[in-house]
PDB file of N, CA and C in Angstrom:
ATOM      1  N   UNK A   1     108.678-205.644-131.727  1.00  0.00           N
ATOM      2  CA  UNK A   1     108.867-206.792-132.866  1.00  0.00           C
ATOM      3  C   UNK A   1     107.433-206.246-133.471  1.00  0.00           C
ATOM      4  N   UNK A   2     107.265-206.347-134.946  1.00  0.00           N
ATOM      5  CA  UNK A   2     106.088-206.379-135.415  1.00  0.00           C
ATOM      6  C   UNK A   2     105.611-207.789-135.903  1.00  0.00           C
ATOM      7  N   UNK A   3     104.649-208.105-135.400  1.00  0.00           N
ATOM      8  CA  UNK A   3     104.071-209.599-135.859  1.00  0.00           C
ATOM      9  C   UNK A   3     103.203-209.467-137.447  1.00  0.00           C
ATOM     10  N   UNK A   4     103.616-210.155-138.347  1.00  0.00           N
ATOM     11  CA  UNK A   4     102.916-209.897-139.661  1.00  0.00           C
ATOM     12  C   UNK A   4     102.473-211.217-139.928  1.00  0.00           C
ATOM     13  N   UNK A   5     100.848-211.388-139.514  1.00  0.00           N
ATOM     14  CA  UNK A   5     100.301-212.436-139.785  1.00  0.00           C
ATOM     15  C   UNK A   5     100.320-213.058-140.929  1.00  0.00           C
ATOM     16  N   UNK A   6     100.265-211.876-142.138  1.00  0.00           N
ATOM     17  CA  UNK A   6      99.980-212.580-143.432  1.00  0.00           C
ATOM     18  C   UNK A   6     101.403-213.273-143.744  1.00  0.00           C
ATOM     19  N   UNK A   7     102.449-212.884-143.673  1.00  0.00           N
ATOM     20  CA  UNK A   7     103.648-213.217-143.941  1.00  0.00           C
ATOM     21  C   UNK A   7     103.876-214.634-143.364  1.00  0.00           C
ATOM     22  N   UNK A   8     103.695-214.891-141.821  1.00  0.00           N
ATOM     23  CA  UNK A   8     103.735-216.047-141.177  1.00  0.00           C
ATOM     24  C   UNK A   8     102.712-217.052-141.606  1.00  0.00           C
ATOM     25  N   UNK A   9     101.430-216.606-142.023  1.00  0.00           N
ATOM     26  CA  UNK A   9     100.574-217.338-143.089  1.00  0.00           C
ATOM     27  C   UNK A   9     101.033-217.931-144.261  1.00  0.00           C
ATOM     28  N   UNK A  10     101.562-217.236-144.824  1.00  0.00           N
ATOM     29  CA  UNK A  10     102.135-217.693-146.370  1.00  0.00           C
ATOM     30  C   UNK A  10     103.153-218.284-146.155  1.00  0.00           C
ATOM     31  N   UNK A  11     104.291-218.000-145.369  1.00  0.00           N
ATOM     32  CA  UNK A  11     105.378-219.109-144.924  1.00  0.00           C
ATOM     33  C   UNK A  11     104.757-220.430-144.536  1.00  0.00           C
ATOM     34  N   UNK A  12     103.831-220.374-143.541  1.00  0.00           N
ATOM     35  CA  UNK A  12     103.155-221.499-142.909  1.00  0.00           C
ATOM     36  C   UNK A  12     102.406-222.423-144.138  1.00  0.00           C
ATOM     37  N   UNK A  13     101.787-221.900-144.967  1.00  0.00           N
ATOM     38  CA  UNK A  13     101.186-222.508-146.155  1.00  0.00           C
ATOM     39  C   UNK A  13     102.195-223.061-147.198  1.00  0.00           C
ATOM     40  N   UNK A  14     103.251-222.603-147.236  1.00  0.00           N
ATOM     41  CA  UNK A  14     104.519-223.002-148.214  1.00  0.00           C
ATOM     42  C   UNK A  14     105.111-224.394-147.619  1.00  0.00           C
ATOM     43  N   UNK A  15     105.348-224.286-146.319  1.00  0.00           N
ATOM     44  CA  UNK A  15     105.989-225.049-145.474  1.00  0.00           C
ATOM     45  C   UNK A  15     105.114-226.377-145.558  1.00  0.00           C
ATOM     46  N   UNK A  16     103.855-226.253-145.133  1.00  0.00           N
ATOM     47  CA  UNK A  16     102.971-227.442-145.170  1.00  0.00           C
ATOM     48  C   UNK A  16     102.898-228.095-146.234  1.00  0.00           C
ATOM     49  N   UNK A  17     102.714-227.251-147.344  1.00  0.00           N
ATOM     50  CA  UNK A  17     102.679-227.786-148.723  1.00  0.00           C
ATOM     51  C   UNK A  17     103.523-228.748-149.250  1.00  0.00           C
ATOM     52  N   UNK A  18     104.904-228.213-148.587  1.00  0.00           N
ATOM     53  CA  UNK A  18     106.000-229.183-149.022  1.00  0.00           C
ATOM     54  C   UNK A  18     105.858-230.294-148.195  1.00  0.00           C
ATOM     55  N   UNK A  19     105.727-230.304-147.028  1.00  0.00           N
ATOM     56  CA  UNK A  19     105.479-231.471-145.879  1.00  0.00           C
ATOM     57  C   UNK A  19     104.224-232.202-146.218  1.00  0.00           C
ATOM     58  N   UNK A  20     103.570-231.798-147.243  1.00  0.00           N
ATOM     59  CA  UNK A  20     102.399-232.529-147.498  1.00  0.00           C
ATOM     60  C   UNK A  20     102.493-233.792-148.458  1.00  0.00           C
ATOM     61  N   UNK A  21     103.969-233.721-148.938  1.00  0.00           N
ATOM     62  CA  UNK A  21     104.302-234.806-149.924  1.00  0.00           C
ATOM     63  C   UNK A  21     105.185-235.811-148.906  1.00  0.00           C
ATOM     64  N   UNK A  22     104.616-237.273-149.124  1.00  0.00           N
ATOM     65  CA  UNK A  22     105.256-238.057-148.300  1.00  0.00           C
ATOM     66  C   UNK A  22     106.737-238.500-148.365  1.00  0.00           C
ATOM     67  N   UNK A  23     107.295-238.208-149.369  1.00  0.00           N
ATOM     68  CA  UNK A  23     109.159-238.605-149.666  1.00  0.00           C
ATOM     69  C   UNK A  23     109.487-237.311-149.046  1.00  0.00           C
ATOM     70  N   UNK A  24     109.023-235.918-149.100  1.00  0.00           N
ATOM     71  CA  UNK A  24     109.519-235.069-148.577  1.00  0.00           C
ATOM     72  C   UNK A  24     109.505-234.992-146.835  1.00  0.00           C
ATOM     73  N   UNK A  25     108.240-235.551-146.501  1.00  0.00           N
ATOM     74  CA  UNK A  25     108.033-235.666-144.774  1.00  0.00           C
ATOM     75  C   UNK A  25     108.884-236.592-144.572  1.00  0.00           C
ATOM     76  N   UNK A  26     109.181-237.919-145.230  1.00  0.00           N
ATOM     77  CA  UNK A  26     109.897-238.986-144.706  1.00  0.00           C
ATOM     78  C   UNK A  26     111.464-238.404-144.748  1.00  0.00           C
ATOM     79  N   UNK A  27     111.804-237.314-145.567  1.00  0.00           N
ATOM     80  CA  UNK A  27     113.381-236.904-145.700  1.00  0.00           C
ATOM     81  C   UNK A  27     113.463-236.220-144.213  1.00  0.00           C
ATOM     82  N   UNK A  28     112.471-235.450-143.830  1.00  0.00           N
ATOM     83  CA  UNK A  28     112.366-234.513-142.874  1.00  0.00           C
ATOM     84  C   UNK A  28     112.343-235.541-141.697  1.00  0.00           C
ATOM     85  N   UNK A  29     111.719-236.279-141.654  1.00  0.00           N
ATOM     86  CA  UNK A  29     111.567-237.031-140.344  1.00  0.00           C
ATOM     87  C   UNK A  29     112.887-237.758-139.978  1.00  0.00           C
ATOM     88  N   UNK A  30     113.505-238.150-141.085  1.00  0.00           N
ATOM     89  CA  UNK A  30     114.745-239.032-141.203  1.00  0.00           C
ATOM     90  C   UNK A  30     115.862-238.035-140.635  1.00  0.00           C
ATOM     91  N   UNK A  31     116.142-236.769-141.241  1.00  0.00           N
ATOM     92  CA  UNK A  31     116.897-235.949-140.892  1.00  0.00           C
ATOM     93  C   UNK A  31     117.051-235.640-139.191  1.00  0.00           C
ATOM     94  N   UNK A  32     115.618-235.271-139.013  1.00  0.00           N
ATOM     95  CA  UNK A  32     115.609-234.825-137.549  1.00  0.00           C
ATOM     96  C   UNK A  32     115.772-235.820-136.578  1.00  0.00           C
ATOM     97  N   UNK A  33     115.625-237.106-136.895  1.00  0.00           N
ATOM     98  CA  UNK A  33     116.004-238.355-136.189  1.00  0.00           C
ATOM     99  C   UNK A  33     117.508-238.853-135.987  1.00  0.00           C
ATOM    100  N   UNK A  34     118.178-238.101-137.074  1.00  0.00           N
ATOM    101  CA  UNK A  34     119.603-238.503-137.218  1.00  0.00           C
ATOM    102  C   UNK A  34     120.218-237.254-136.582  1.00  0.00           C
ATOM    103  N   UNK A  35     119.514-236.413-136.237  1.00  0.00           N
ATOM    104  CA  UNK A  35     120.363-235.134-135.225  1.00  0.00           C
ATOM    105  C   UNK A  35     120.884-233.916-135.939  1.00  0.00           C
ATOM    106  N   UNK A  36     121.636-233.256-135.124  1.00  0.00           N
ATOM    107  CA  UNK A  36     121.875-231.661-135.814  1.00  0.00           C
ATOM    108  C   UNK A  36     123.211-231.829-136.444  1.00  0.00           C
ATOM    109  N   UNK A  37     124.063-232.999-136.456  1.00  0.00           N
ATOM    110  CA  UNK A  37     125.191-232.935-137.086  1.00  0.00           C
ATOM    111  C   UNK A  37     125.044-233.177-138.777  1.00  0.00           C
ATOM    112  N   UNK A  38     123.836-233.571-139.086  1.00  0.00           N
ATOM    113  CA  UNK A  38     123.434-233.737-140.565  1.00  0.00           C
ATOM    114  C   UNK A  38     123.842-235.106-140.869  1.00  0.00           C
ATOM    115  N   UNK A  39     123.304-235.377-142.209  1.00  0.00           N
ATOM    116  CA  UNK A  39     123.485-236.794-142.852  1.00  0.00           C
ATOM    117  C   UNK A  39     123.844-236.390-144.582  1.00  0.00           C
ATOM    118  N   UNK A  40     125.060-236.992-144.904  1.00  0.00           N
ATOM    119  CA  UNK A  40     125.497-237.124-146.151  1.00  0.00           C
ATOM    120  C   UNK A  40     124.019-237.391-147.026  1.00  0.00           C
ATOM    121  N   UNK A  41     124.051-236.805-148.252  1.00  0.00           N
ATOM    122  CA  UNK A  41     122.783-237.096-149.083  1.00  0.00           C
ATOM    123  C   UNK A  41     123.049-238.500-149.641  1.00  0.00           C
ATOM    124  N   UNK A  42     123.978-239.129-149.918  1.00  0.00           N
ATOM    125  CA  UNK A  42     123.875-240.481-150.331  1.00  0.00           C
ATOM    126  C   UNK A  42     123.386-241.610-149.210  1.00  0.00           C
ATOM    127  N   UNK A  43     123.279-240.877-147.862  1.00  0.00           N
ATOM    128  CA  UNK A  43     122.687-241.864-146.642  1.00  0.00           C
ATOM    129  C   UNK A  43     121.259-241.765-146.721  1.00  0.00           C
ATOM    130  N   UNK A  44     120.995-240.358-146.921  1.00  0.00           N
ATOM    131  CA  UNK A  44     119.372-240.081-147.110  1.00  0.00           C
ATOM    132  C   UNK A  44     118.948-241.202-148.019  1.00  0.00           C
ATOM    133  N   UNK A  45     119.708-241.121-149.276  1.00  0.00           N
ATOM    134  CA  UNK A  45     119.232-241.725-150.619  1.00  0.00           C
ATOM    135  C   UNK A  45     119.232-243.387-149.878  1.00  0.00           C
ATOM    136  N   UNK A  46     119.984-243.887-149.641  1.00  0.00           N
ATOM    137  CA  UNK A  46     119.951-245.299-149.339  1.00  0.00           C
ATOM    138  C   UNK A  46     118.984-245.520-148.153  1.00  0.00           C
ATOM    139  N   UNK A  47     119.004-244.858-147.260  1.00  0.00           N
ATOM    140  CA  UNK A  47     117.919-245.164-146.204  1.00  0.00           C
ATOM    141  C   UNK A  47     116.670-244.811-146.693  1.00  0.00           C
ATOM    142  N   UNK A  48     116.110-243.943-147.588  1.00  0.00           N
ATOM    143  CA  UNK A  48     115.034-243.927-147.892  1.00  0.00           C
ATOM    144  C   UNK A  48     114.373-244.962-149.289  1.00  0.00           C
ATOM    145  N   UNK A  49     115.547-245.352-149.897  1.00  0.00           N
ATOM    146  CA  UNK A  49     115.417-245.634-151.430  1.00  0.00           C
ATOM    147  C   UNK A  49     114.778-244.955-152.195  1.00  0.00           C
ATOM    148  N   UNK A  50     115.185-243.546-152.193  1.00  0.00           N
ATOM    149  CA  UNK A  50     114.616-242.609-153.180  1.00  0.00           C
ATOM    150  C   UNK A  50     115.592-242.561-154.268  1.00  0.00           C
ATOM    151  N   UNK A  51     115.178-242.411-155.499  1.00  0.00           N
ATOM    152  CA  UNK A  51     116.441-242.358-156.746  1.00  0.00           C
ATOM    153  C   UNK A  51     116.927-241.371-156.455  1.00  0.00           C
ATOM    154  N   UNK A  52     118.432-241.165-156.644  1.00  0.00           N
ATOM    155  CA  UNK A  52     119.126-239.870-156.719  1.00  0.00           C
ATOM    156  C   UNK A  52     118.364-238.790-157.467  1.00  0.00           C
ATOM    157  N   UNK A  53     117.911-238.507-158.611  1.00  0.00           N
ATOM    158  CA  UNK A  53     117.110-237.528-159.211  1.00  0.00           C
ATOM    159  C   UNK A  53     116.057-237.051-158.338  1.00  0.00           C
ATOM    160  N   UNK A  54     115.163-238.099-158.097  1.00  0.00           N
ATOM    161  CA  UNK A  54     113.821-237.578-157.153  1.00  0.00           C
ATOM    162  C   UNK A  54     114.363-237.178-156.008  1.00  0.00           C
ATOM    163  N   UNK A  55     115.504-237.793-155.362  1.00  0.00           N
ATOM    164  CA  UNK A  55     115.729-237.171-154.158  1.00  0.00           C
ATOM    165  C   UNK A  55     116.110-235.722-154.381  1.00  0.00           C
ATOM    166  N   UNK A  56     117.155-235.315-155.078  1.00  0.00           N
ATOM    167  CA  UNK A  56     117.318-234.026-155.563  1.00  0.00           C
ATOM    168  C   UNK A  56     116.314-233.026-155.691  1.00  0.00           C
ATOM    169  N   UNK A  57     115.239-233.341-156.204  1.00  0.00           N
ATOM    170  CA  UNK A  57     114.064-232.564-156.466  1.00  0.00           C
ATOM    171  C   UNK A  57     113.397-232.407-155.202  1.00  0.00           C
ATOM    172  N   UNK A  58     113.251-233.096-154.439  1.00  0.00           N
ATOM    173  CA  UNK A  58     112.623-233.098-153.196  1.00  0.00           C
ATOM    174  C   UNK A  58     113.476-232.078-152.102  1.00  0.00           C
ATOM    175  N   UNK A  59     114.871-232.496-151.893  1.00  0.00           N
ATOM    176  CA  UNK A  59     115.722-231.711-151.291  1.00  0.00           C
ATOM    177  C   UNK A  59     115.522-230.103-151.818  1.00  0.00           C
ATOM    178  N   UNK A  60     115.683-229.783-152.833  1.00  0.00           N
ATOM    179  CA  UNK A  60     115.501-228.654-153.301  1.00  0.00           C
ATOM    180  C   UNK A  60     114.174-227.945-152.952  1.00  0.00           C
ATOM    181  N   UNK A  61     113.169-228.411-152.937  1.00  0.00           N
ATOM    182  CA  UNK A  61     111.867-228.125-152.471  1.00  0.00           C
ATOM    183  C   UNK A  61     111.949-227.436-151.015  1.00  0.00           C
ATOM    184  N   UNK A  62     112.323-228.726-150.371  1.00  0.00           N
ATOM    185  CA  UNK A  62     112.674-228.326-148.986  1.00  0.00           C
ATOM    186  C   UNK A  62     113.704-227.227-148.659  1.00  0.00           C
ATOM    187  N   UNK A  63     114.752-226.957-149.382  1.00  0.00           N
ATOM    188  CA  UNK A  63     115.551-226.193-149.064  1.00  0.00           C
ATOM    189  C   UNK A  63     114.987-224.883-149.276  1.00  0.00           C
ATOM    190  N   UNK A  64     114.117-224.712-150.482  1.00  0.00           N
ATOM    191  CA  UNK A  64     113.218-223.595-150.975  1.00  0.00           C
ATOM    192  C   UNK A  64     112.282-222.817-149.949  1.00  0.00           C
ATOM    193  N   UNK A  65     111.837-223.953-148.976  1.00  0.00           N
ATOM    194  CA  UNK A  65     110.663-223.513-148.143  1.00  0.00           C
ATOM    195  C   UNK A  65     111.581-223.395-146.876  1.00  0.00           C
ATOM    196  N   UNK A  66     112.575-223.523-146.809  1.00  0.00           N
ATOM    197  CA  UNK A  66     113.459-223.283-145.486  1.00  0.00           C
ATOM    198  C   UNK A  66     113.407-224.187-144.582  1.00  0.00           C
ATOM    199  N   UNK A  67     113.105-225.486-144.884  1.00  0.00           N
ATOM    200  CA  UNK A  67     112.862-226.585-143.814  1.00  0.00           C
ATOM    201  C   UNK A  67     114.213-227.640-143.916  1.00  0.00           C
ATOM    202  N   UNK A  68     115.133-227.189-144.951  1.00  0.00           N
ATOM    203  CA  UNK A  68     116.338-227.909-144.972  1.00  0.00           C
ATOM    204  C   UNK A  68     117.466-227.173-145.393  1.00  0.00           C
ATOM    205  N   UNK A  69     118.686-227.553-144.914  1.00  0.00           N
ATOM    206  CA  UNK A  69     119.780-226.859-145.500  1.00  0.00           C
ATOM    207  C   UNK A  69     120.803-227.530-145.881  1.00  0.00           C
ATOM    208  N   UNK A  70     121.524-227.031-146.688  1.00  0.00           N
ATOM    209  CA  UNK A  70     122.667-228.226-147.186  1.00  0.00           C
ATOM    210  C   UNK A  70     123.954-227.637-146.966  1.00  0.00           C
ATOM    211  N   UNK A  71     125.210-228.239-146.474  1.00  0.00           N
ATOM    212  CA  UNK A  71     126.549-227.817-146.613  1.00  0.00           C
ATOM    213  C   UNK A  71     127.307-228.999-147.145  1.00  0.00           C
ATOM    214  N   UNK A  72     128.556-228.356-147.962  1.00  0.00           N
ATOM    215  CA  UNK A  72     129.579-229.146-148.389  1.00  0.00           C
ATOM    216  C   UNK A  72     130.495-229.201-147.416  1.00  0.00           C
ATOM    217  N   UNK A  73     131.173-230.533-147.356  1.00  0.00           N
ATOM    218  CA  UNK A  73     132.574-230.809-146.711  1.00  0.00           C
ATOM    219  C   UNK A  73     133.286-231.493-147.415  1.00  0.00           C
ATOM    220  N   UNK A  74     134.172-230.834-148.458  1.00  0.00           N
ATOM    221  CA  UNK A  74     135.113-231.585-149.311  1.00  0.00           C
ATOM    222  C   UNK A  74     134.108-231.982-150.308  1.00  0.00           C
ATOM    223  N   UNK A  75     134.059-233.123-150.498  1.00  0.00           N
ATOM    224  CA  UNK A  75     133.213-234.041-151.688  1.00  0.00           C
ATOM    225  C   UNK A  75     131.972-234.429-151.239  1.00  0.00           C
ATOM    226  N   UNK A  76     131.439-234.219-150.002  1.00  0.00           N
ATOM    227  CA  UNK A  76     130.303-234.571-149.342  1.00  0.00           C
ATOM    228  C   UNK A  76     129.416-233.630-148.897  1.00  0.00           C
ATOM    229  N   UNK A  77     128.193-233.837-149.377  1.00  0.00           N
ATOM    230  CA  UNK A  77     127.095-232.562-149.437  1.00  0.00           C
ATOM    231  C   UNK A  77     126.053-233.340-147.896  1.00  0.00           C
ATOM    232  N   UNK A  78     126.149-232.705-147.175  1.00  0.00           N
ATOM    233  CA  UNK A  78     125.188-232.984-145.949  1.00  0.00           C
ATOM    234  C   UNK A  78     124.197-232.168-145.785  1.00  0.00           C
ATOM    235  N   UNK A  79     122.934-232.897-145.210  1.00  0.00           N
ATOM    236  CA  UNK A  79     121.918-232.432-145.499  1.00  0.00           C
ATOM    237  C   UNK A  79     121.242-232.191-143.865  1.00  0.00           C
ATOM    238  N   UNK A  80     120.765-231.084-143.306  1.00  0.00           N
ATOM    239  CA  UNK A  80     120.495-230.691-142.114  1.00  0.00           C
ATOM    240  C   UNK A  80     119.107-230.126-142.035  1.00  0.00           C
ATOM    241  N   UNK A  81     118.254-230.912-141.220  1.00  0.00           N
ATOM    242  CA  UNK A  81     116.793-230.351-141.070  1.00  0.00           C
ATOM    243  C   UNK A  81     117.044-229.017-140.113  1.00  0.00           C
ATOM    244  N   UNK A  82     115.959-228.014-140.483  1.00  0.00           N
ATOM    245  CA  UNK A  82     116.168-226.769-139.980  1.00  0.00           C
ATOM    246  C   UNK A  82     115.278-227.002-138.993  1.00  0.00           C
ATOM    247  N   UNK A  83     115.598-227.176-137.740  1.00  0.00           N
ATOM    248  CA  UNK A  83     114.708-227.430-136.741  1.00  0.00           C
ATOM    249  C   UNK A  83     114.135-226.379-136.165  1.00  0.00           C
ATOM    250  N   UNK A  84     114.611-225.400-135.969  1.00  0.00           N
ATOM    251  CA  UNK A  84     113.854-223.938-135.347  1.00  0.00           C
ATOM    252  C   UNK A  84     112.854-223.547-136.659  1.00  0.00           C
ATOM    253  N   UNK A  85     112.864-223.857-137.786  1.00  0.00           N
ATOM    254  CA  UNK A  85     111.859-223.586-138.554  1.00  0.00           C
ATOM    255  C   UNK A  85     110.672-224.589-138.586  1.00  0.00           C
ATOM    256  N   UNK A  86     110.952-225.709-138.443  1.00  0.00           N
ATOM    257  CA  UNK A  86     110.304-226.687-138.075  1.00  0.00           C
ATOM    258  C   UNK A  86     109.040-226.486-136.808  1.00  0.00           C
ATOM    259  N   UNK A  87     109.963-226.047-135.761  1.00  0.00           N
ATOM    260  CA  UNK A  87     109.321-225.632-134.487  1.00  0.00           C
ATOM    261  C   UNK A  87     108.302-224.353-134.571  1.00  0.00           C
ATOM    262  N   UNK A  88     109.008-223.266-135.339  1.00  0.00           N
ATOM    263  CA  UNK A  88     108.200-222.340-135.728  1.00  0.00           C
ATOM    264  C   UNK A  88     106.924-222.573-136.501  1.00  0.00           C
ATOM    265  N   UNK A  89     107.107-223.494-137.250  1.00  0.00           N
ATOM    266  CA  UNK A  89     105.606-224.084-138.042  1.00  0.00           C
ATOM    267  C   UNK A  89     104.874-224.806-137.088  1.00  0.00           C
ATOM    268  N   UNK A  90     105.204-225.415-136.283  1.00  0.00           N
ATOM    269  CA  UNK A  90     104.423-226.175-135.110  1.00  0.00           C
ATOM    270  C   UNK A  90     103.673-225.086-134.182  1.00  0.00           C
ATOM    271  N   UNK A  91     104.374-224.148-133.769  1.00  0.00           N
ATOM    272  CA  UNK A  91     104.164-223.006-132.999  1.00  0.00           C
ATOM    273  C   UNK A  91     103.068-222.004-133.908  1.00  0.00           C
ATOM    274  N   UNK A  92     103.262-221.849-134.977  1.00  0.00           N
ATOM    275  CA  UNK A  92     102.347-221.224-135.557  1.00  0.00           C
ATOM    276  C   UNK A  92     101.186-221.890-135.701  1.00  0.00           C
ATOM    277  N   UNK A  93     101.287-223.181-136.031  1.00  0.00           N
ATOM    278  CA  UNK A  93     100.081-224.040-136.277  1.00  0.00           C
ATOM    279  C   UNK A  93      99.034-223.910-134.845  1.00  0.00           C
ATOM    280  N   UNK A  94      99.868-224.242-133.699  1.00  0.00           N
ATOM    281  CA  UNK A  94      99.141-223.901-132.420  1.00  0.00           C
ATOM    282  C   UNK A  94      98.494-222.717-132.033  1.00  0.00           C
ATOM    283  N   UNK A  95      99.325-221.698-132.522  1.00  0.00           N
ATOM    284  CA  UNK A  95      98.609-220.252-131.953  1.00  0.00           C
ATOM    285  C   UNK A  95      97.529-219.903-132.991  1.00  0.00           C
ATOM    286  N   UNK A  96      97.597-220.566-134.343  1.00  0.00           N
ATOM    287  CA  UNK A  96      96.384-220.310-135.059  1.00  0.00           C
ATOM    288  C   UNK A  96      95.268-221.162-134.772  1.00  0.00           C
ATOM    289  N   UNK A  97      95.331-222.246-134.401  1.00  0.00           N
ATOM    290  CA  UNK A  97      94.280-223.035-133.698  1.00  0.00           C
ATOM    291  C   UNK A  97      93.815-222.624-132.444  1.00  0.00           C
ATOM    292  N   UNK A  98      94.516-222.051-131.556  1.00  0.00           N
ATOM    293  CA  UNK A  98      94.256-221.273-130.407  1.00  0.00           C
ATOM    294  C   UNK A  98      93.243-219.869-130.743  1.00  0.00           C
ATOM    295  N   UNK A  99      93.857-219.305-131.388  1.00  0.00           N
ATOM    296  CA  UNK A  99      93.146-218.028-131.830  1.00  0.00           C
ATOM    297  C   UNK A  99      91.585-218.240-132.723  1.00  0.00           C
ATOM    298  N   UNK A 100      91.627-219.664-133.249  1.00  0.00           N
ATOM    299  CA  UNK A 100      90.389-220.081-133.853  1.00  0.00           C
ATOM    300  C   UNK A 100      89.376-220.431-132.736  1.00  0.00           C
ATOM    301  N   UNK A 101      89.709-220.978-131.800  1.00  0.00           N
ATOM    302  CA  UNK A 101      89.181-221.342-130.441  1.00  0.00           C
ATOM    303  C   UNK A 101      88.427-220.154-129.880  1.00  0.00           C
ATOM    304  N   UNK A 102      89.065-219.049-129.860  1.00  0.00           N
ATOM    305  CA  UNK A 102      88.660-218.035-129.133  1.00  0.00           C
ATOM    306  C   UNK A 102      87.530-217.109-130.077  1.00  0.00           C
ATOM    307  N   UNK A 103      87.403-217.256-130.929  1.00  0.00           N
ATOM    308  CA  UNK A 103      86.558-216.683-131.881  1.00  0.00           C
ATOM    309  C   UNK A 103      85.159-217.320-131.708  1.00  0.00           C
TER     310      UNK A 103
END
């Protein structure tokens, strides 16, 4: 397997930039705490008190970064945190810090 530091770095930068927004971080935290079955968008909106159009914008950014996915079940749209992507980001940060310490 070829490890592409540049690509991993670019992905990490994009994901960290998206998580640098307080609302987007709150969305991810909420979804992770709710579990893998996902949460209807309306429930996320009510729990966080974010206006629907604002929530839609933030969800779109998180989907684009690969940190969240959405699934439709009939008329309900569910949001799921991409826990593997979040774990990969945390792992990248840990490994980047360890590499920096070795220099």
